[in-house]
Amino acid sequence: MKKYLERKRLESNGDKYRYEYLVECSGCAKQYWTKSYPSKPVRCRKCAGTQSYTPAKESRSNQRKRGEGYITKQGYLLVYDGNGYVPAHRIVLPPKDPSNVIHHIDGDKLNNLLSNLIELTKQAHREAHGSLERVSYQLIQAGLIEYDRETNSYNLGRALQKCIALNPVNSGNTQTGDAVGNPEPSQLITGRCNDYPKGEYIRSLMEAQDT
């Protein structure tokens, strides 16, 4: 059974003849000419483009249509600003110089709070990451970060893990009673405060440092 509607011979190329085939799209029934032999049901470019979406691409396409934006492979959130998709952090903090970069202070590329962003030149951005690497090695040398040879990965040491385990006590509520005066980072910096009883907090912190 022929898989094309019509065939016409083109100019010969040496001893070989070349053909062009009139086919019908299996999706929209559009007829068009193609130089590829239709060994299986064909689809026009429009239908093929729709069909070729993987679930991930289709989901991203739907997000674009809804205007919700999407996350790039590099981990940045792009949102629609009315003209196109732009990095969300450059909307929250528009750079004064377009050649500058917006740095995420805590390393979380999805944390686009203004308090977590700063505009830097490319050189200053490299220096910031360089200083972070130096601090990381200082923590390794102090035993607060450990290297796992089996998994070839760096992990937090037990002392830091215990300190981080105390974070759930930061509810964001106003300090009251025994919690007043806790040695927790300023609420202006972290956006939260420690409502854990002061004495127990200090004892837990000291235990973490002793391990």
C-alpha atoms as a PDB file:
ATOM      1  CA  MET A   1       0.000   0.000   0.000  1.00  0.00           C
ATOM      2  CA  LYS A   2       1.381   3.370  -1.025  1.00  0.00           C
ATOM      3  CA  LYS A   3       2.076   5.768   1.826  1.00  0.00           C
ATOM      4  CA  TYR A   4       1.977   8.831  -0.416  1.00  0.00           C
ATOM      5  CA  LEU A   5      -0.666  10.424  -2.602  1.00  0.00           C
ATOM      6  CA  GLU A   6       1.518  11.307  -5.544  1.00  0.00           C
ATOM      7  CA  ARG A   7       5.122  11.054  -6.625  1.00  0.00           C
ATOM      8  CA  LYS A   8       7.111  13.137  -9.080  1.00  0.00           C
ATOM      9  CA  ARG A   9      10.613  12.656 -10.367  1.00  0.00           C
ATOM     10  CA  LEU A  10      13.120  15.441  -9.964  1.00  0.00           C
ATOM     11  CA  GLU A  11      16.200  16.124 -12.044  1.00  0.00           C
ATOM     12  CA  SER A  12      18.556  13.169 -12.058  1.00  0.00           C
ATOM     13  CA  ASN A  13      21.744  13.271 -10.027  1.00  0.00           C
ATOM     14  CA  GLY A  14      24.174  11.151 -11.985  1.00  0.00           C
ATOM     15  CA  ASP A  15      22.712   7.671 -12.448  1.00  0.00           C
ATOM     16  CA  LYS A  16      20.231   8.125  -9.585  1.00  0.00           C
ATOM     17  CA  TYR A  17      16.759   9.547  -9.785  1.00  0.00           C
ATOM     18  CA  ARG A  18      15.396  11.681  -6.962  1.00  0.00           C
ATOM     19  CA  TYR A  19      11.729  11.883  -6.088  1.00  0.00           C
ATOM     20  CA  GLU A  20       9.405  14.172  -4.224  1.00  0.00           C
ATOM     21  CA  TYR A  21       6.300  12.788  -2.511  1.00  0.00           C
ATOM     22  CA  LEU A  22       2.920  14.330  -1.843  1.00  0.00           C
ATOM     23  CA  VAL A  23       1.803  13.145   1.593  1.00  0.00           C
ATOM     24  CA  GLU A  24      -1.042  13.833   3.987  1.00  0.00           C
ATOM     25  CA  CYS A  25      -0.492  14.722   7.650  1.00  0.00           C
ATOM     26  CA  SER A  26      -2.017  12.072   9.915  1.00  0.00           C
ATOM     27  CA  GLY A  27      -2.821  14.778  12.440  1.00  0.00           C
ATOM     28  CA  CYS A  28      -4.533  17.589  10.533  1.00  0.00           C
ATOM     29  CA  ALA A  29      -4.871  16.054   7.026  1.00  0.00           C
ATOM     30  CA  LYS A  30      -2.778  18.831   5.519  1.00  0.00           C
ATOM     31  CA  GLN A  31      -1.145  17.825   2.218  1.00  0.00           C
ATOM     32  CA  TYR A  32       2.437  18.796   1.454  1.00  0.00           C
ATOM     33  CA  TRP A  33       5.456  17.733  -0.581  1.00  0.00           C
ATOM     34  CA  THR A  34       8.500  16.083   0.975  1.00  0.00           C
ATOM     35  CA  LYS A  35      11.728  14.633  -0.407  1.00  0.00           C
ATOM     36  CA  SER A  36      11.882  11.988   2.310  1.00  0.00           C
ATOM     37  CA  TYR A  37      10.232   8.685   1.517  1.00  0.00           C
ATOM     38  CA  PRO A  38       7.231   8.279   3.863  1.00  0.00           C
ATOM     39  CA  SER A  39       7.993   4.853   5.342  1.00  0.00           C
ATOM     40  CA  LYS A  40       5.475   5.507   8.148  1.00  0.00           C
ATOM     41  CA  PRO A  41       2.530   7.853   8.778  1.00  0.00           C
ATOM     42  CA  VAL A  42       3.759  11.439   8.571  1.00  0.00           C
ATOM     43  CA  ARG A  43       2.957  14.605  10.482  1.00  0.00           C
ATOM     44  CA  CYS A  44       3.407  18.180   9.340  1.00  0.00           C
ATOM     45  CA  ARG A  45       5.792  20.478  11.203  1.00  0.00           C
ATOM     46  CA  LYS A  46       3.044  21.984  13.314  1.00  0.00           C
ATOM     47  CA  CYS A  47       1.626  18.638  14.407  1.00  0.00           C
ATOM     48  CA  ALA A  48       5.066  17.063  14.804  1.00  0.00           C
ATOM     49  CA  GLY A  49       6.154  19.927  17.069  1.00  0.00           C
ATOM     50  CA  THR A  50       3.164  19.344  19.330  1.00  0.00           C
ATOM     51  CA  GLN A  51       3.653  15.592  19.323  1.00  0.00           C
ATOM     52  CA  SER A  52       7.370  15.716  20.075  1.00  0.00           C
ATOM     53  CA  TYR A  53       6.956  17.376  23.473  1.00  0.00           C
ATOM     54  CA  THR A  54       8.209  15.217  26.298  1.00  0.00           C
ATOM     55  CA  PRO A  55       6.139  15.376  29.525  1.00  0.00           C
ATOM     56  CA  ALA A  56       8.713  17.727  31.052  1.00  0.00           C
ATOM     57  CA  LYS A  57       8.687  20.045  28.041  1.00  0.00           C
ATOM     58  CA  GLU A  58       4.916  19.925  27.867  1.00  0.00           C
ATOM     59  CA  SER A  59       4.659  20.847  31.542  1.00  0.00           C
ATOM     60  CA  ARG A  60       7.067  23.730  31.018  1.00  0.00           C
ATOM     61  CA  SER A  61       5.106  24.828  27.973  1.00  0.00           C
ATOM     62  CA  ASN A  62       1.887  24.863  29.996  1.00  0.00           C
ATOM     63  CA  GLN A  63       3.587  26.870  32.734  1.00  0.00           C
ATOM     64  CA  ARG A  64       4.663  29.412  30.140  1.00  0.00           C
ATOM     65  CA  LYS A  65       1.114  29.660  28.838  1.00  0.00           C
ATOM     66  CA  ARG A  66      -0.167  30.246  32.377  1.00  0.00           C
ATOM     67  CA  GLY A  67       2.496  32.864  32.964  1.00  0.00           C
ATOM     68  CA  GLU A  68       3.878  31.072  36.020  1.00  0.00           C
ATOM     69  CA  GLY A  69       7.398  30.896  34.684  1.00  0.00           C
ATOM     70  CA  TYR A  70       9.727  27.920  34.941  1.00  0.00           C
ATOM     71  CA  ILE A  71      13.040  26.838  36.426  1.00  0.00           C
ATOM     72  CA  THR A  72      16.023  26.550  34.083  1.00  0.00           C
ATOM     73  CA  LYS A  73      18.527  23.691  34.072  1.00  0.00           C
ATOM     74  CA  GLN A  74      20.866  26.006  35.954  1.00  0.00           C
ATOM     75  CA  GLY A  75      18.287  26.345  38.748  1.00  0.00           C
ATOM     76  CA  TYR A  76      17.107  29.929  38.136  1.00  0.00           C
ATOM     77  CA  LEU A  77      13.455  30.935  38.062  1.00  0.00           C
ATOM     78  CA  LEU A  78      12.354  32.722  34.891  1.00  0.00           C
ATOM     79  CA  VAL A  79       9.069  34.634  34.911  1.00  0.00           C
ATOM     80  CA  TYR A  80       7.110  36.395  32.195  1.00  0.00           C
ATOM     81  CA  ASP A  81       7.304  40.189  32.442  1.00  0.00           C
ATOM     82  CA  GLY A  82       4.898  40.963  29.598  1.00  0.00           C
ATOM     83  CA  ASN A  83       7.527  40.921  26.860  1.00  0.00           C
ATOM     84  CA  GLY A  84       9.470  37.742  27.513  1.00  0.00           C
ATOM     85  CA  TYR A  85      10.921  35.483  30.184  1.00  0.00           C
ATOM     86  CA  VAL A  86      13.524  37.061  32.461  1.00  0.00           C
ATOM     87  CA  PRO A  87      15.300  35.902  35.639  1.00  0.00           C
ATOM     88  CA  ALA A  88      13.077  36.582  38.650  1.00  0.00           C
ATOM     89  CA  HIS A  89      16.016  37.917  40.691  1.00  0.00           C
ATOM     90  CA  ARG A  90      16.641  40.646  38.105  1.00  0.00           C
ATOM     91  CA  ILE A  91      13.031  41.786  38.526  1.00  0.00           C
ATOM     92  CA  VAL A  92      13.278  41.903  42.311  1.00  0.00           C
ATOM     93  CA  LEU A  93      16.596  43.756  42.077  1.00  0.00           C
ATOM     94  CA  PRO A  94      16.987  45.404  38.656  1.00  0.00           C
ATOM     95  CA  PRO A  95      20.723  45.911  38.058  1.00  0.00           C
ATOM     96  CA  LYS A  96      21.882  49.498  37.670  1.00  0.00           C
ATOM     97  CA  ASP A  97      24.427  48.239  35.136  1.00  0.00           C
ATOM     98  CA  PRO A  98      23.099  45.531  32.742  1.00  0.00           C
ATOM     99  CA  SER A  99      26.554  43.930  32.620  1.00  0.00           C
ATOM    100  CA  ASN A 100      26.491  43.286  36.372  1.00  0.00           C
ATOM    101  CA  VAL A 101      25.220  40.075  37.959  1.00  0.00           C
ATOM    102  CA  ILE A 102      22.779  39.550  40.819  1.00  0.00           C
ATOM    103  CA  HIS A 103      24.314  37.353  43.517  1.00  0.00           C
ATOM    104  CA  HIS A 104      22.244  35.053  45.767  1.00  0.00           C
ATOM    105  CA  ILE A 105      23.867  35.490  49.165  1.00  0.00           C
ATOM    106  CA  ASP A 106      22.708  32.184  50.663  1.00  0.00           C
ATOM    107  CA  GLY A 107      23.381  30.204  47.472  1.00  0.00           C
ATOM    108  CA  ASP A 108      19.696  29.353  46.980  1.00  0.00           C
ATOM    109  CA  LYS A 109      18.897  30.434  43.423  1.00  0.00           C
ATOM    110  CA  LEU A 110      15.163  30.306  44.169  1.00  0.00           C
ATOM    111  CA  ASN A 111      15.399  32.554  47.225  1.00  0.00           C
ATOM    112  CA  ASN A 112      14.704  35.841  45.487  1.00  0.00           C
ATOM    113  CA  LEU A 113      13.968  37.936  48.560  1.00  0.00           C
ATOM    114  CA  LEU A 114      15.531  41.377  48.269  1.00  0.00           C
ATOM    115  CA  SER A 115      17.507  40.739  51.475  1.00  0.00           C
ATOM    116  CA  ASN A 116      19.172  37.745  49.768  1.00  0.00           C
ATOM    117  CA  LEU A 117      20.254  39.608  46.620  1.00  0.00           C
ATOM    118  CA  ILE A 118      23.090  41.997  45.848  1.00  0.00           C
ATOM    119  CA  GLU A 119      24.307  43.523  42.603  1.00  0.00           C
ATOM    120  CA  LEU A 120      27.954  42.786  41.825  1.00  0.00           C
ATOM    121  CA  THR A 121      30.329  43.230  38.949  1.00  0.00           C
ATOM    122  CA  LYS A 122      31.495  39.989  37.362  1.00  0.00           C
ATOM    123  CA  GLN A 123      34.893  40.395  39.045  1.00  0.00           C
ATOM    124  CA  ALA A 124      33.323  41.026  42.458  1.00  0.00           C
ATOM    125  CA  HIS A 125      31.057  38.014  41.914  1.00  0.00           C
ATOM    126  CA  ARG A 126      34.054  35.778  41.283  1.00  0.00           C
ATOM    127  CA  GLU A 127      35.739  37.165  44.394  1.00  0.00           C
ATOM    128  CA  ALA A 128      32.617  36.469  46.483  1.00  0.00           C
ATOM    129  CA  HIS A 129      32.577  32.834  45.387  1.00  0.00           C
ATOM    130  CA  GLY A 130      36.318  32.635  45.970  1.00  0.00           C
ATOM    131  CA  SER A 131      35.885  33.841  49.558  1.00  0.00           C
ATOM    132  CA  LEU A 132      33.115  31.269  50.069  1.00  0.00           C
ATOM    133  CA  GLU A 133      35.468  28.531  48.935  1.00  0.00           C
ATOM    134  CA  ARG A 134      38.164  29.735  51.348  1.00  0.00           C
ATOM    135  CA  VAL A 135      35.685  29.740  54.247  1.00  0.00           C
ATOM    136  CA  SER A 136      34.578  26.228  53.279  1.00  0.00           C
ATOM    137  CA  TYR A 137      38.165  24.972  53.495  1.00  0.00           C
ATOM    138  CA  GLN A 138      38.584  26.675  56.873  1.00  0.00           C
ATOM    139  CA  LEU A 139      35.547  24.755  58.110  1.00  0.00           C
ATOM    140  CA  ILE A 140      37.021  21.541  56.716  1.00  0.00           C
ATOM    141  CA  GLN A 141      40.295  22.200  58.495  1.00  0.00           C
ATOM    142  CA  ALA A 142      38.386  22.888  61.731  1.00  0.00           C
ATOM    143  CA  GLY A 143      36.568  19.567  61.392  1.00  0.00           C
ATOM    144  CA  LEU A 144      33.151  21.166  60.910  1.00  0.00           C
ATOM    145  CA  ILE A 145      32.872  19.832  57.357  1.00  0.00           C
ATOM    146  CA  GLU A 146      33.947  16.282  56.598  1.00  0.00           C
ATOM    147  CA  TYR A 147      34.946  14.525  53.395  1.00  0.00           C
ATOM    148  CA  ASP A 148      33.454  11.096  52.641  1.00  0.00           C
ATOM    149  CA  ARG A 149      35.890   9.081  50.528  1.00  0.00           C
ATOM    150  CA  GLU A 150      33.319   6.420  49.647  1.00  0.00           C
ATOM    151  CA  THR A 151      30.788   8.839  48.164  1.00  0.00           C
ATOM    152  CA  ASN A 152      33.357  11.460  47.111  1.00  0.00           C
ATOM    153  CA  SER A 153      31.306  14.184  48.764  1.00  0.00           C
ATOM    154  CA  TYR A 154      31.556  16.779  51.513  1.00  0.00           C
ATOM    155  CA  ASN A 155      29.140  16.640  54.444  1.00  0.00           C
ATOM    156  CA  LEU A 156      28.473  18.666  57.566  1.00  0.00           C
ATOM    157  CA  GLY A 157      30.294  17.460  60.669  1.00  0.00           C
ATOM    158  CA  ARG A 158      28.360  16.287  63.751  1.00  0.00           C
ATOM    159  CA  ALA A 159      28.810  19.607  65.531  1.00  0.00           C
ATOM    160  CA  LEU A 160      27.282  21.600  62.682  1.00  0.00           C
ATOM    161  CA  GLN A 161      24.497  19.066  62.253  1.00  0.00           C
ATOM    162  CA  LYS A 162      23.534  19.509  65.902  1.00  0.00           C
ATOM    163  CA  CYS A 163      23.577  23.292  65.548  1.00  0.00           C
ATOM    164  CA  ILE A 164      21.382  23.115  62.446  1.00  0.00           C
ATOM    165  CA  ALA A 165      19.027  20.746  64.276  1.00  0.00           C
ATOM    166  CA  LEU A 166      18.243  23.679  66.572  1.00  0.00           C
ATOM    167  CA  ASN A 167      16.821  25.711  63.681  1.00  0.00           C
ATOM    168  CA  PRO A 168      13.251  24.382  64.061  1.00  0.00           C
ATOM    169  CA  VAL A 169      13.005  26.421  67.263  1.00  0.00           C
ATOM    170  CA  ASN A 170      12.971  29.553  65.098  1.00  0.00           C
ATOM    171  CA  SER A 171       9.232  29.977  64.710  1.00  0.00           C
ATOM    172  CA  GLY A 172       9.296  33.644  63.753  1.00  0.00           C
ATOM    173  CA  ASN A 173       7.240  34.544  66.827  1.00  0.00           C
ATOM    174  CA  THR A 174       8.197  37.331  69.195  1.00  0.00           C
ATOM    175  CA  GLN A 175      10.530  36.205  71.968  1.00  0.00           C
ATOM    176  CA  THR A 176       8.731  35.768  75.283  1.00  0.00           C
ATOM    177  CA  GLY A 177       9.539  34.538  78.780  1.00  0.00           C
ATOM    178  CA  ASP A 178      12.718  32.480  79.065  1.00  0.00           C
ATOM    179  CA  ALA A 179      13.460  32.954  75.383  1.00  0.00           C
ATOM    180  CA  VAL A 180      14.182  36.690  75.711  1.00  0.00           C
ATOM    181  CA  GLY A 181      17.839  37.433  75.031  1.00  0.00           C
ATOM    182  CA  ASN A 182      18.680  34.213  73.218  1.00  0.00           C
ATOM    183  CA  PRO A 183      22.023  34.406  71.354  1.00  0.00           C
ATOM    184  CA  GLU A 184      20.319  33.992  68.012  1.00  0.00           C
ATOM    185  CA  PRO A 185      21.319  36.008  64.917  1.00  0.00           C
ATOM    186  CA  SER A 186      19.468  39.283  64.591  1.00  0.00           C
ATOM    187  CA  GLN A 187      15.926  39.091  63.306  1.00  0.00           C
ATOM    188  CA  LEU A 188      16.838  41.870  60.867  1.00  0.00           C
ATOM    189  CA  ILE A 189      19.299  39.513  59.221  1.00  0.00           C
ATOM    190  CA  THR A 190      17.497  36.177  59.340  1.00  0.00           C
ATOM    191  CA  GLY A 191      13.899  37.359  59.382  1.00  0.00           C
ATOM    192  CA  ARG A 192      13.175  35.154  62.389  1.00  0.00           C
ATOM    193  CA  CYS A 193      13.822  34.985  66.112  1.00  0.00           C
ATOM    194  CA  ASN A 194      14.545  32.197  68.573  1.00  0.00           C
ATOM    195  CA  ASP A 195      11.660  31.427  70.943  1.00  0.00           C
ATOM    196  CA  TYR A 196      13.492  28.495  72.569  1.00  0.00           C
ATOM    197  CA  PRO A 197      14.255  28.771  76.335  1.00  0.00           C
ATOM    198  CA  LYS A 198      17.570  30.564  76.626  1.00  0.00           C
ATOM    199  CA  GLY A 199      19.247  28.220  79.106  1.00  0.00           C
ATOM    200  CA  GLU A 200      18.398  25.059  77.174  1.00  0.00           C
ATOM    201  CA  TYR A 201      19.503  26.689  73.915  1.00  0.00           C
ATOM    202  CA  ILE A 202      22.914  27.552  75.347  1.00  0.00           C
ATOM    203  CA  ARG A 203      23.369  24.064  76.834  1.00  0.00           C
ATOM    204  CA  SER A 204      22.517  22.447  73.493  1.00  0.00           C
ATOM    205  CA  LEU A 205      24.904  24.754  71.648  1.00  0.00           C
ATOM    206  CA  MET A 206      27.737  23.967  74.073  1.00  0.00           C
ATOM    207  CA  GLU A 207      27.095  20.232  73.708  1.00  0.00           C
ATOM    208  CA  ALA A 208      27.330  20.575  69.947  1.00  0.00           C
ATOM    209  CA  GLN A 209      30.632  22.422  70.205  1.00  0.00           C
ATOM    210  CA  ASP A 210      32.093  19.754  72.547  1.00  0.00           C
ATOM    211  CA  THR A 211      31.490  16.899  70.096  1.00  0.00           C
END
